Amino acid sequence: MLNDRLSAARKVAQILIPAERNLDASLRSNAELTLAMLAAREEARLPLSIASDALRHNADANVALAQAWSSIALVHGALRTVQRDIGLDGFKAWFGDQIPCEDAPTGASVVVPIGTAA
């Protein structure tokens, strides 16, 4: 039964970690897009009013991405609690590679060791 739990935990971790990394990449890309739009407008010597709607929409997208990033961090913390609740706290099975992980119930920072994630 413990092996089944460990297997299930690893399957979730294999999806969670890339999801977190993808959100990081999306935030970086969107920030780069903001900079590119501003630089392009400056390079073309266009007035501030040009592309202001696009910049505002991109800012809205950044807010949405930041909210998603925050939510996935909460998912990570909740899964950390599940890990403990199902008896896998001592296993290197989930989440990150020696990356501090916020402990959901207490808010304390803990290290969740996992050798499989980079």
PDB file of N, CA and C in Angstrom:
ATOM      1  N   MET A   1       0.829  -1.203   0.000  1.00  0.00           N
ATOM      2  CA  MET A   1       0.000   0.000   0.000  1.00  0.00           C
ATOM      3  C   MET A   1       0.872   1.266   0.000  1.00  0.00           C
ATOM      4  N   LEU A   2       1.954   1.241   0.773  1.00  0.00           N
ATOM      5  CA  LEU A   2       2.851   2.391   0.814  1.00  0.00           C
ATOM      6  C   LEU A   2       3.496   2.607  -0.558  1.00  0.00           C
ATOM      7  N   ASN A   3       3.854   1.513  -1.236  1.00  0.00           N
ATOM      8  CA  ASN A   3       4.427   1.647  -2.578  1.00  0.00           C
ATOM      9  C   ASN A   3       3.436   2.261  -3.551  1.00  0.00           C
ATOM     10  N   ASP A   4       2.153   1.921  -3.418  1.00  0.00           N
ATOM     11  CA  ASP A   4       1.125   2.525  -4.266  1.00  0.00           C
ATOM     12  C   ASP A   4       1.032   4.021  -4.012  1.00  0.00           C
ATOM     13  N   ARG A   5       1.104   4.415  -2.749  1.00  0.00           N
ATOM     14  CA  ARG A   5       1.049   5.843  -2.408  1.00  0.00           C
ATOM     15  C   ARG A   5       2.258   6.571  -2.952  1.00  0.00           C
ATOM     16  N   LEU A   6       3.407   5.945  -2.811  1.00  0.00           N
ATOM     17  CA  LEU A   6       4.641   6.556  -3.304  1.00  0.00           C
ATOM     18  C   LEU A   6       4.603   6.711  -4.822  1.00  0.00           C
ATOM     19  N   SER A   7       4.117   5.698  -5.506  1.00  0.00           N
ATOM     20  CA  SER A   7       3.983   5.766  -6.958  1.00  0.00           C
ATOM     21  C   SER A   7       3.030   6.886  -7.372  1.00  0.00           C
ATOM     22  N   ALA A   8       1.906   6.974  -6.697  1.00  0.00           N
ATOM     23  CA  ALA A   8       0.930   8.028  -6.998  1.00  0.00           C
ATOM     24  C   ALA A   8       1.527   9.409  -6.730  1.00  0.00           C
ATOM     25  N   ALA A   9       2.254   9.533  -5.631  1.00  0.00           N
ATOM     26  CA  ALA A   9       2.881  10.808  -5.276  1.00  0.00           C
ATOM     27  C   ALA A   9       3.877  11.244  -6.344  1.00  0.00           C
ATOM     28  N   ARG A  10       4.656  10.301  -6.827  1.00  0.00           N
ATOM     29  CA  ARG A  10       5.650  10.631  -7.859  1.00  0.00           C
ATOM     30  C   ARG A  10       4.984  11.061  -9.157  1.00  0.00           C
ATOM     31  N   LYS A  11       3.866  10.450  -9.483  1.00  0.00           N
ATOM     32  CA  LYS A  11       3.136  10.846 -10.697  1.00  0.00           C
ATOM     33  C   LYS A  11       2.635  12.277 -10.591  1.00  0.00           C
ATOM     34  N   VAL A  12       2.129  12.634  -9.430  1.00  0.00           N
ATOM     35  CA  VAL A  12       1.659  14.016  -9.223  1.00  0.00           C
ATOM     36  C   VAL A  12       2.836  14.983  -9.302  1.00  0.00           C
ATOM     37  N   ALA A  13       3.951  14.632  -8.654  1.00  0.00           N
ATOM     38  CA  ALA A  13       5.126  15.502  -8.652  1.00  0.00           C
ATOM     39  C   ALA A  13       5.661  15.720 -10.060  1.00  0.00           C
ATOM     40  N   GLN A  14       5.596  14.693 -10.891  1.00  0.00           N
ATOM     41  CA  GLN A  14       6.095  14.810 -12.258  1.00  0.00           C
ATOM     42  C   GLN A  14       5.273  15.798 -13.080  1.00  0.00           C
ATOM     43  N   ILE A  15       4.067  16.088 -12.660  1.00  0.00           N
ATOM     44  CA  ILE A  15       3.224  17.081 -13.332  1.00  0.00           C
ATOM     45  C   ILE A  15       3.336  18.438 -12.641  1.00  0.00           C
ATOM     46  N   LEU A  16       3.382  18.420 -11.312  1.00  0.00           N
ATOM     47  CA  LEU A  16       3.414  19.671 -10.544  1.00  0.00           C
ATOM     48  C   LEU A  16       4.652  20.511 -10.842  1.00  0.00           C
ATOM     49  N   ILE A  17       5.812  19.889 -10.788  1.00  0.00           N
ATOM     50  CA  ILE A  17       7.056  20.654 -10.960  1.00  0.00           C
ATOM     51  C   ILE A  17       7.109  21.334 -12.328  1.00  0.00           C
ATOM     52  N   PRO A  18       6.804  20.630 -13.422  1.00  0.00           N
ATOM     53  CA  PRO A  18       6.781  21.325 -14.720  1.00  0.00           C
ATOM     54  C   PRO A  18       5.720  22.425 -14.779  1.00  0.00           C
ATOM     55  N   ALA A  19       4.591  22.221 -14.130  1.00  0.00           N
ATOM     56  CA  ALA A  19       3.559  23.269 -14.117  1.00  0.00           C
ATOM     57  C   ALA A  19       4.097  24.533 -13.447  1.00  0.00           C
ATOM     58  N   GLU A  20       4.821  24.362 -12.349  1.00  0.00           N
ATOM     59  CA  GLU A  20       5.421  25.523 -11.676  1.00  0.00           C
ATOM     60  C   GLU A  20       6.449  26.203 -12.578  1.00  0.00           C
ATOM     61  N   ARG A  21       7.274  25.403 -13.211  1.00  0.00           N
ATOM     62  CA  ARG A  21       8.302  25.971 -14.104  1.00  0.00           C
ATOM     63  C   ARG A  21       7.675  26.673 -15.299  1.00  0.00           C
ATOM     64  N   ASN A  22       6.599  26.102 -15.821  1.00  0.00           N
ATOM     65  CA  ASN A  22       5.920  26.733 -16.957  1.00  0.00           C
ATOM     66  C   ASN A  22       5.341  28.086 -16.568  1.00  0.00           C
ATOM     67  N   LEU A  23       4.791  28.189 -15.371  1.00  0.00           N
ATOM     68  CA  LEU A  23       4.281  29.489 -14.921  1.00  0.00           C
ATOM     69  C   LEU A  23       5.419  30.486 -14.769  1.00  0.00           C
ATOM     70  N   ASP A  24       6.544  30.042 -14.225  1.00  0.00           N
ATOM     71  CA  ASP A  24       7.714  30.930 -14.130  1.00  0.00           C
ATOM     72  C   ASP A  24       8.112  31.431 -15.515  1.00  0.00           C
ATOM     73  N   ALA A  25       8.174  30.511 -16.473  1.00  0.00           N
ATOM     74  CA  ALA A  25       8.570  30.882 -17.839  1.00  0.00           C
ATOM     75  C   ALA A  25       7.563  31.841 -18.456  1.00  0.00           C
ATOM     76  N   SER A  26       6.289  31.620 -18.203  1.00  0.00           N
ATOM     77  CA  SER A  26       5.255  32.513 -18.736  1.00  0.00           C
ATOM     78  C   SER A  26       5.376  33.912 -18.147  1.00  0.00           C
ATOM     79  N   LEU A  27       5.638  34.003 -16.863  1.00  0.00           N
ATOM     80  CA  LEU A  27       5.820  35.316 -16.240  1.00  0.00           C
ATOM     81  C   LEU A  27       7.030  36.031 -16.830  1.00  0.00           C
ATOM     82  N   ARG A  28       8.132  35.298 -16.996  1.00  0.00           N
ATOM     83  CA  ARG A  28       9.323  35.911 -17.592  1.00  0.00           C
ATOM     84  C   ARG A  28       9.050  36.374 -19.020  1.00  0.00           C
ATOM     85  N   SER A  29       8.399  35.533 -19.800  1.00  0.00           N
ATOM     86  CA  SER A  29       8.111  35.881 -21.195  1.00  0.00           C
ATOM     87  C   SER A  29       7.215  37.102 -21.288  1.00  0.00           C
ATOM     88  N   ASN A  30       6.224  37.151 -20.438  1.00  0.00           N
ATOM     89  CA  ASN A  30       5.305  38.283 -20.471  1.00  0.00           C
ATOM     90  C   ASN A  30       6.008  39.567 -20.030  1.00  0.00           C
ATOM     91  N   ALA A  31       6.907  39.449 -19.074  1.00  0.00           N
ATOM     92  CA  ALA A  31       7.694  40.623 -18.667  1.00  0.00           C
ATOM     93  C   ALA A  31       8.576  41.087 -19.823  1.00  0.00           C
ATOM     94  N   GLU A  32       9.163  40.131 -20.536  1.00  0.00           N
ATOM     95  CA  GLU A  32       9.984  40.478 -21.695  1.00  0.00           C
ATOM     96  C   GLU A  32       9.143  41.146 -22.779  1.00  0.00           C
ATOM     97  N   LEU A  33       7.909  40.695 -22.940  1.00  0.00           N
ATOM     98  CA  LEU A  33       7.016  41.305 -23.915  1.00  0.00           C
ATOM     99  C   LEU A  33       6.738  42.764 -23.540  1.00  0.00           C
ATOM    100  N   THR A  34       6.518  43.016 -22.272  1.00  0.00           N
ATOM    101  CA  THR A  34       6.304  44.393 -21.819  1.00  0.00           C
ATOM    102  C   THR A  34       7.500  45.267 -22.185  1.00  0.00           C
ATOM    103  N   LEU A  35       8.690  44.773 -21.871  1.00  0.00           N
ATOM    104  CA  LEU A  35       9.904  45.534 -22.180  1.00  0.00           C
ATOM    105  C   LEU A  35      10.067  45.745 -23.677  1.00  0.00           C
ATOM    106  N   ALA A  36       9.777  44.716 -24.455  1.00  0.00           N
ATOM    107  CA  ALA A  36       9.906  44.824 -25.910  1.00  0.00           C
ATOM    108  C   ALA A  36       8.932  45.851 -26.470  1.00  0.00           C
ATOM    109  N   MET A  37       7.703  45.860 -25.975  1.00  0.00           N
ATOM    110  CA  MET A  37       6.716  46.834 -26.465  1.00  0.00           C
ATOM    111  C   MET A  37       7.152  48.253 -26.127  1.00  0.00           C
ATOM    112  N   LEU A  38       7.659  48.445 -24.916  1.00  0.00           N
ATOM    113  CA  LEU A  38       8.116  49.775 -24.522  1.00  0.00           C
ATOM    114  C   LEU A  38       9.327  50.208 -25.348  1.00  0.00           C
ATOM    115  N   ALA A  39      10.265  49.299 -25.542  1.00  0.00           N
ATOM    116  CA  ALA A  39      11.462  49.621 -26.323  1.00  0.00           C
ATOM    117  C   ALA A  39      11.103  49.910 -27.781  1.00  0.00           C
ATOM    118  N   ALA A  40      10.167  49.137 -28.335  1.00  0.00           N
ATOM    119  CA  ALA A  40       9.763  49.345 -29.732  1.00  0.00           C
ATOM    120  C   ALA A  40       9.102  50.705 -29.904  1.00  0.00           C
ATOM    121  N   ARG A  41       8.267  51.064 -28.959  1.00  0.00           N
ATOM    122  CA  ARG A  41       7.603  52.364 -29.049  1.00  0.00           C
ATOM    123  C   ARG A  41       8.631  53.486 -28.970  1.00  0.00           C
ATOM    124  N   GLU A  42       9.595  53.345 -28.066  1.00  0.00           N
ATOM    125  CA  GLU A  42      10.645  54.360 -27.925  1.00  0.00           C
ATOM    126  C   GLU A  42      11.511  54.426 -29.189  1.00  0.00           C
ATOM    127  N   GLU A  43      11.885  53.261 -29.695  1.00  0.00           N
ATOM    128  CA  GLU A  43      12.720  53.205 -30.902  1.00  0.00           C
ATOM    129  C   GLU A  43      12.024  53.853 -32.098  1.00  0.00           C
ATOM    130  N   ALA A  44      10.722  53.660 -32.205  1.00  0.00           N
ATOM    131  CA  ALA A  44       9.952  54.232 -33.315  1.00  0.00           C
ATOM    132  C   ALA A  44       9.560  55.683 -33.044  1.00  0.00           C
ATOM    133  N   ARG A  45       9.910  56.172 -31.857  1.00  0.00           N
ATOM    134  CA  ARG A  45       9.598  57.564 -31.455  1.00  0.00           C
ATOM    135  C   ARG A  45       8.103  57.854 -31.546  1.00  0.00           C
ATOM    136  N   LEU A  46       7.337  56.910 -30.993  1.00  0.00           N
ATOM    137  CA  LEU A  46       5.883  57.067 -30.994  1.00  0.00           C
ATOM    138  C   LEU A  46       5.429  57.663 -29.671  1.00  0.00           C
ATOM    139  N   PRO A  47       4.296  58.361 -29.675  1.00  0.00           N
ATOM    140  CA  PRO A  47       3.799  58.957 -28.433  1.00  0.00           C
ATOM    141  C   PRO A  47       3.338  57.885 -27.437  1.00  0.00           C
ATOM    142  N   LEU A  48       3.247  58.278 -26.183  1.00  0.00           N
ATOM    143  CA  LEU A  48       2.822  57.365 -25.116  1.00  0.00           C
ATOM    144  C   LEU A  48       1.442  56.765 -25.363  1.00  0.00           C
ATOM    145  N   SER A  49       0.605  57.482 -26.057  1.00  0.00           N
ATOM    146  CA  SER A  49      -0.754  56.996 -26.288  1.00  0.00           C
ATOM    147  C   SER A  49      -0.799  55.785 -27.222  1.00  0.00           C
ATOM    148  N   ILE A  50       0.244  55.587 -28.012  1.00  0.00           N
ATOM    149  CA  ILE A  50       0.298  54.450 -28.937  1.00  0.00           C
ATOM    150  C   ILE A  50       0.571  53.173 -28.148  1.00  0.00           C
ATOM    151  N   ALA A  51      -0.245  52.193 -28.382  1.00  0.00           N
ATOM    152  CA  ALA A  51      -0.117  50.862 -27.774  1.00  0.00           C
ATOM    153  C   ALA A  51      -0.431  50.843 -26.284  1.00  0.00           C
ATOM    154  N   SER A  52      -1.034  51.901 -25.786  1.00  0.00           N
ATOM    155  CA  SER A  52      -1.352  51.913 -24.354  1.00  0.00           C
ATOM    156  C   SER A  52      -2.368  50.823 -24.001  1.00  0.00           C
ATOM    157  N   ASP A  53      -3.321  50.562 -24.893  1.00  0.00           N
ATOM    158  CA  ASP A  53      -4.268  49.472 -24.641  1.00  0.00           C
ATOM    159  C   ASP A  53      -3.545  48.126 -24.588  1.00  0.00           C
ATOM    160  N   ALA A  54      -2.620  47.907 -25.508  1.00  0.00           N
ATOM    161  CA  ALA A  54      -1.867  46.650 -25.516  1.00  0.00           C
ATOM    162  C   ALA A  54      -1.046  46.501 -24.236  1.00  0.00           C
ATOM    163  N   LEU A  55      -0.416  47.576 -23.802  1.00  0.00           N
ATOM    164  CA  LEU A  55       0.353  47.530 -22.558  1.00  0.00           C
ATOM    165  C   LEU A  55      -0.543  47.238 -21.357  1.00  0.00           C
ATOM    166  N   ARG A  56      -1.711  47.855 -21.334  1.00  0.00           N
ATOM    167  CA  ARG A  56      -2.648  47.623 -20.236  1.00  0.00           C
ATOM    168  C   ARG A  56      -3.120  46.166 -20.231  1.00  0.00           C
ATOM    169  N   HIS A  57      -3.441  45.634 -21.401  1.00  0.00           N
ATOM    170  CA  HIS A  57      -3.874  44.230 -21.483  1.00  0.00           C
ATOM    171  C   HIS A  57      -2.744  43.284 -21.066  1.00  0.00           C
ATOM    172  N   ASN A  58      -1.533  43.632 -21.453  1.00  0.00           N
ATOM    173  CA  ASN A  58      -0.400  42.806 -21.045  1.00  0.00           C
ATOM    174  C   ASN A  58      -0.190  42.878 -19.537  1.00  0.00           C
ATOM    175  N   ALA A  59      -0.395  44.041 -18.962  1.00  0.00           N
ATOM    176  CA  ALA A  59      -0.305  44.167 -17.505  1.00  0.00           C
ATOM    177  C   ALA A  59      -1.375  43.309 -16.834  1.00  0.00           C
ATOM    178  N   ASP A  60      -2.580  43.299 -17.397  1.00  0.00           N
ATOM    179  CA  ASP A  60      -3.652  42.438 -16.869  1.00  0.00           C
ATOM    180  C   ASP A  60      -3.240  40.968 -16.954  1.00  0.00           C
ATOM    181  N   ALA A  61      -2.598  40.602 -18.048  1.00  0.00           N
ATOM    182  CA  ALA A  61      -2.123  39.222 -18.208  1.00  0.00           C
ATOM    183  C   ALA A  61      -1.063  38.899 -17.154  1.00  0.00           C
ATOM    184  N   ASN A  62      -0.186  39.874 -16.874  1.00  0.00           N
ATOM    185  CA  ASN A  62       0.824  39.664 -15.829  1.00  0.00           C
ATOM    186  C   ASN A  62       0.176  39.429 -14.476  1.00  0.00           C
ATOM    187  N   VAL A  63      -0.859  40.192 -14.176  1.00  0.00           N
ATOM    188  CA  VAL A  63      -1.569  40.008 -12.906  1.00  0.00           C
ATOM    189  C   VAL A  63      -2.189  38.613 -12.848  1.00  0.00           C
ATOM    190  N   ALA A  64      -2.824  38.194 -13.934  1.00  0.00           N
ATOM    191  CA  ALA A  64      -3.442  36.864 -13.973  1.00  0.00           C
ATOM    192  C   ALA A  64      -2.384  35.766 -13.814  1.00  0.00           C
ATOM    193  N   LEU A  65      -1.257  35.927 -14.469  1.00  0.00           N
ATOM    194  CA  LEU A  65      -0.183  34.944 -14.334  1.00  0.00           C
ATOM    195  C   LEU A  65       0.363  34.914 -12.909  1.00  0.00           C
ATOM    196  N   ALA A  66       0.504  36.081 -12.306  1.00  0.00           N
ATOM    197  CA  ALA A  66       0.987  36.132 -10.924  1.00  0.00           C
ATOM    198  C   ALA A  66      -0.020  35.470  -9.977  1.00  0.00           C
ATOM    199  N   GLN A  67      -1.301  35.652 -10.239  1.00  0.00           N
ATOM    200  CA  GLN A  67      -2.321  34.992  -9.420  1.00  0.00           C
ATOM    201  C   GLN A  67      -2.257  33.473  -9.607  1.00  0.00           C
ATOM    202  N   ALA A  68      -2.064  33.024 -10.830  1.00  0.00           N
ATOM    203  CA  ALA A  68      -1.932  31.588 -11.098  1.00  0.00           C
ATOM    204  C   ALA A  68      -0.682  31.043 -10.415  1.00  0.00           C
ATOM    205  N   TRP A  69       0.394  31.787 -10.459  1.00  0.00           N
ATOM    206  CA  TRP A  69       1.641  31.385  -9.823  1.00  0.00           C
ATOM    207  C   TRP A  69       1.449  31.238  -8.317  1.00  0.00           C
ATOM    208  N   SER A  70       0.753  32.199  -7.731  1.00  0.00           N
ATOM    209  CA  SER A  70       0.453  32.135  -6.300  1.00  0.00           C
ATOM    210  C   SER A  70      -0.427  30.932  -5.977  1.00  0.00           C
ATOM    211  N   SER A  71      -1.412  30.675  -6.834  1.00  0.00           N
ATOM    212  CA  SER A  71      -2.304  29.536  -6.612  1.00  0.00           C
ATOM    213  C   SER A  71      -1.568  28.207  -6.711  1.00  0.00           C
ATOM    214  N   ILE A  72      -0.664  28.080  -7.660  1.00  0.00           N
ATOM    215  CA  ILE A  72       0.065  26.817  -7.788  1.00  0.00           C
ATOM    216  C   ILE A  72       0.993  26.622  -6.596  1.00  0.00           C
ATOM    217  N   ALA A  73       1.485  27.713  -6.028  1.00  0.00           N
ATOM    218  CA  ALA A  73       2.283  27.606  -4.802  1.00  0.00           C
ATOM    219  C   ALA A  73       1.418  27.077  -3.656  1.00  0.00           C
ATOM    220  N   LEU A  74       0.158  27.504  -3.598  1.00  0.00           N
ATOM    221  CA  LEU A  74      -0.762  26.991  -2.579  1.00  0.00           C
ATOM    222  C   LEU A  74      -1.071  25.516  -2.813  1.00  0.00           C
ATOM    223  N   VAL A  75      -1.197  25.134  -4.083  1.00  0.00           N
ATOM    224  CA  VAL A  75      -1.394  23.717  -4.415  1.00  0.00           C
ATOM    225  C   VAL A  75      -0.199  22.917  -3.911  1.00  0.00           C
ATOM    226  N   HIS A  76       0.988  23.423  -4.162  1.00  0.00           N
ATOM    227  CA  HIS A  76       2.215  22.760  -3.731  1.00  0.00           C
ATOM    228  C   HIS A  76       2.193  22.552  -2.213  1.00  0.00           C
ATOM    229  N   GLY A  77       1.850  23.592  -1.483  1.00  0.00           N
ATOM    230  CA  GLY A  77       1.784  23.489  -0.026  1.00  0.00           C
ATOM    231  C   GLY A  77       0.725  22.499   0.441  1.00  0.00           C
ATOM    232  N   ALA A  78      -0.408  22.500  -0.218  1.00  0.00           N
ATOM    233  CA  ALA A  78      -1.475  21.565   0.155  1.00  0.00           C
ATOM    234  C   ALA A  78      -1.051  20.122  -0.127  1.00  0.00           C
ATOM    235  N   LEU A  79      -0.341  19.910  -1.233  1.00  0.00           N
ATOM    236  CA  LEU A  79       0.152  18.568  -1.533  1.00  0.00           C
ATOM    237  C   LEU A  79       1.231  18.144  -0.548  1.00  0.00           C
ATOM    238  N   ARG A  80       1.974  19.092  -0.044  1.00  0.00           N
ATOM    239  CA  ARG A  80       2.957  18.802   1.015  1.00  0.00           C
ATOM    240  C   ARG A  80       2.235  18.243   2.235  1.00  0.00           C
ATOM    241  N   THR A  81       1.094  18.808   2.562  1.00  0.00           N
ATOM    242  CA  THR A  81       0.289  18.310   3.677  1.00  0.00           C
ATOM    243  C   THR A  81      -0.219  16.902   3.378  1.00  0.00           C
ATOM    244  N   VAL A  82      -0.664  16.685   2.145  1.00  0.00           N
ATOM    245  CA  VAL A  82      -1.117  15.347   1.746  1.00  0.00           C
ATOM    246  C   VAL A  82       0.027  14.354   1.903  1.00  0.00           C
ATOM    247  N   GLN A  83       1.216  14.748   1.472  1.00  0.00           N
ATOM    248  CA  GLN A  83       2.384  13.878   1.593  1.00  0.00           C
ATOM    249  C   GLN A  83       2.558  13.423   3.046  1.00  0.00           C
ATOM    250  N   ARG A  84       2.462  14.354   3.955  1.00  0.00           N
ATOM    251  CA  ARG A  84       2.601  14.048   5.377  1.00  0.00           C
ATOM    252  C   ARG A  84       1.435  13.172   5.858  1.00  0.00           C
ATOM    253  N   ASP A  85       0.226  13.528   5.424  1.00  0.00           N
ATOM    254  CA  ASP A  85      -0.971  12.807   5.878  1.00  0.00           C
ATOM    255  C   ASP A  85      -1.015  11.350   5.434  1.00  0.00           C
ATOM    256  N   ILE A  86      -0.409  11.045   4.290  1.00  0.00           N
ATOM    257  CA  ILE A  86      -0.462   9.663   3.795  1.00  0.00           C
ATOM    258  C   ILE A  86       0.807   8.883   4.119  1.00  0.00           C
ATOM    259  N   GLY A  87       1.619   9.433   5.026  1.00  0.00           N
ATOM    260  CA  GLY A  87       2.766   8.693   5.530  1.00  0.00           C
ATOM    261  C   GLY A  87       4.000   8.722   4.653  1.00  0.00           C
ATOM    262  N   LEU A  88       4.120   9.713   3.791  1.00  0.00           N
ATOM    263  CA  LEU A  88       5.276   9.789   2.897  1.00  0.00           C
ATOM    264  C   LEU A  88       6.250  10.900   3.265  1.00  0.00           C
ATOM    265  N   ASP A  89       6.119  11.432   4.457  1.00  0.00           N
ATOM    266  CA  ASP A  89       6.939  12.581   4.837  1.00  0.00           C
ATOM    267  C   ASP A  89       8.438  12.281   4.787  1.00  0.00           C
ATOM    268  N   GLY A  90       8.823  11.050   5.072  1.00  0.00           N
ATOM    269  CA  GLY A  90      10.234  10.714   5.095  1.00  0.00           C
ATOM    270  C   GLY A  90      10.803  10.287   3.758  1.00  0.00           C
ATOM    271  N   PHE A  91       9.989  10.274   2.713  1.00  0.00           N
ATOM    272  CA  PHE A  91      10.432   9.795   1.410  1.00  0.00           C
ATOM    273  C   PHE A  91      10.839  10.941   0.501  1.00  0.00           C
ATOM    274  N   LYS A  92      11.840  10.705  -0.308  1.00  0.00           N
ATOM    275  CA  LYS A  92      12.252  11.677  -1.321  1.00  0.00           C
ATOM    276  C   LYS A  92      11.392  11.425  -2.550  1.00  0.00           C
ATOM    277  N   ALA A  93      10.160  11.874  -2.474  1.00  0.00           N
ATOM    278  CA  ALA A  93       9.208  11.510  -3.513  1.00  0.00           C
ATOM    279  C   ALA A  93       8.575  12.683  -4.230  1.00  0.00           C
ATOM    280  N   TRP A  94       8.584  13.855  -3.666  1.00  0.00           N
ATOM    281  CA  TRP A  94       7.795  14.950  -4.204  1.00  0.00           C
ATOM    282  C   TRP A  94       8.554  16.240  -4.308  1.00  0.00           C
ATOM    283  N   PHE A  95       7.998  17.061  -5.067  1.00  0.00           N
ATOM    284  CA  PHE A  95       8.078  18.511  -5.070  1.00  0.00           C
ATOM    285  C   PHE A  95       9.322  19.158  -5.600  1.00  0.00           C
ATOM    286  N   GLY A  96      10.404  19.189  -4.928  1.00  0.00           N
ATOM    287  CA  GLY A  96      11.543  19.915  -5.452  1.00  0.00           C
ATOM    288  C   GLY A  96      12.817  19.252  -5.033  1.00  0.00           C
ATOM    289  N   ASP A  97      13.917  19.767  -5.479  1.00  0.00           N
ATOM    290  CA  ASP A  97      15.206  19.192  -5.147  1.00  0.00           C
ATOM    291  C   ASP A  97      15.853  20.056  -4.085  1.00  0.00           C
ATOM    292  N   GLN A  98      15.578  19.727  -2.845  1.00  0.00           N
ATOM    293  CA  GLN A  98      16.104  20.485  -1.708  1.00  0.00           C
ATOM    294  C   GLN A  98      15.714  21.954  -1.767  1.00  0.00           C
ATOM    295  N   ILE A  99      14.523  22.199  -2.243  1.00  0.00           N
ATOM    296  CA  ILE A  99      14.030  23.573  -2.340  1.00  0.00           C
ATOM    297  C   ILE A  99      13.106  23.834  -1.164  1.00  0.00           C
ATOM    298  N   PRO A 100      13.309  24.933  -0.426  1.00  0.00           N
ATOM    299  CA  PRO A 100      12.389  25.218   0.668  1.00  0.00           C
ATOM    300  C   PRO A 100      10.954  25.298   0.149  1.00  0.00           C
ATOM    301  N   CYS A 101      10.085  24.656   0.861  1.00  0.00           N
ATOM    302  CA  CYS A 101       8.678  24.588   0.480  1.00  0.00           C
ATOM    303  C   CYS A 101       7.858  25.101   1.651  1.00  0.00           C
ATOM    304  N   GLU A 102       6.957  26.018   1.392  1.00  0.00           N
ATOM    305  CA  GLU A 102       6.143  26.541   2.477  1.00  0.00           C
ATOM    306  C   GLU A 102       5.203  25.468   2.969  1.00  0.00           C
ATOM    307  N   ASP A 103       5.224  25.235   4.257  1.00  0.00           N
ATOM    308  CA  ASP A 103       4.363  24.236   4.876  1.00  0.00           C
ATOM    309  C   ASP A 103       2.969  24.842   5.001  1.00  0.00           C
ATOM    310  N   ALA A 104       1.982  24.244   4.362  1.00  0.00           N
ATOM    311  CA  ALA A 104       0.642  24.813   4.250  1.00  0.00           C
ATOM    312  C   ALA A 104      -0.018  25.156   5.586  1.00  0.00           C
ATOM    313  N   PRO A 105      -0.084  24.235   6.567  1.00  0.00           N
ATOM    314  CA  PRO A 105      -0.828  24.569   7.770  1.00  0.00           C
ATOM    315  C   PRO A 105      -0.172  25.632   8.638  1.00  0.00           C
ATOM    316  N   THR A 106       1.165  25.647   8.696  1.00  0.00           N
ATOM    317  CA  THR A 106       1.833  26.546   9.626  1.00  0.00           C
ATOM    318  C   THR A 106       2.421  27.777   8.965  1.00  0.00           C
ATOM    319  N   GLY A 107       2.648  27.693   7.650  1.00  0.00           N
ATOM    320  CA  GLY A 107       3.311  28.792   6.961  1.00  0.00           C
ATOM    321  C   GLY A 107       4.814  28.755   7.149  1.00  0.00           C
ATOM    322  N   ALA A 108       5.320  27.750   7.917  1.00  0.00           N
ATOM    323  CA  ALA A 108       6.749  27.634   8.135  1.00  0.00           C
ATOM    324  C   ALA A 108       7.425  27.100   6.893  1.00  0.00           C
ATOM    325  N   SER A 109       8.637  27.508   6.682  1.00  0.00           N
ATOM    326  CA  SER A 109       9.385  27.017   5.534  1.00  0.00           C
ATOM    327  C   SER A 109      10.072  25.710   5.908  1.00  0.00           C
ATOM    328  N   VAL A 110       9.874  24.698   5.078  1.00  0.00           N
ATOM    329  CA  VAL A 110      10.506  23.403   5.302  1.00  0.00           C
ATOM    330  C   VAL A 110      11.228  22.995   4.038  1.00  0.00           C
ATOM    331  N   VAL A 111      12.162  22.085   4.164  1.00  0.00           N
ATOM    332  CA  VAL A 111      12.855  21.575   2.980  1.00  0.00           C
ATOM    333  C   VAL A 111      12.270  20.230   2.633  1.00  0.00           C
ATOM    334  N   VAL A 112      11.844  20.101   1.397  1.00  0.00           N
ATOM    335  CA  VAL A 112      11.298  18.852   0.900  1.00  0.00           C
ATOM    336  C   VAL A 112      12.314  18.264  -0.061  1.00  0.00           C
ATOM    337  N   PRO A 113      13.084  17.249   0.383  1.00  0.00           N
ATOM    338  CA  PRO A 113      14.130  16.730  -0.474  1.00  0.00           C
ATOM    339  C   PRO A 113      13.606  15.754  -1.515  1.00  0.00           C
ATOM    340  N   ILE A 114      13.937  15.993  -2.755  1.00  0.00           N
ATOM    341  CA  ILE A 114      13.606  15.063  -3.819  1.00  0.00           C
ATOM    342  C   ILE A 114      14.724  15.101  -4.829  1.00  0.00           C
ATOM    343  N   GLY A 115      15.318  14.005  -5.080  1.00  0.00           N
ATOM    344  CA  GLY A 115      16.448  13.948  -5.970  1.00  0.00           C
ATOM    345  C   GLY A 115      16.071  13.921  -7.441  1.00  0.00           C
ATOM    346  N   THR A 116      14.819  13.661  -7.768  1.00  0.00           N
ATOM    347  CA  THR A 116      14.456  13.496  -9.176  1.00  0.00           C
ATOM    348  C   THR A 116      14.160  14.794  -9.890  1.00  0.00           C
ATOM    349  N   ALA A 117      13.842  15.849  -9.194  1.00  0.00           N
ATOM    350  CA  ALA A 117      13.510  17.129  -9.826  1.00  0.00           C
ATOM    351  C   ALA A 117      14.739  18.020  -9.816  1.00  0.00           C
ATOM    352  N   ALA A 118      14.886  18.795 -10.864  1.00  0.00           N
ATOM    353  CA  ALA A 118      16.035  19.699 -10.932  1.00  0.00           C
ATOM    354  C   ALA A 118      15.679  21.051 -10.367  1.00  0.00           C
TER     355      ALA A 118
END
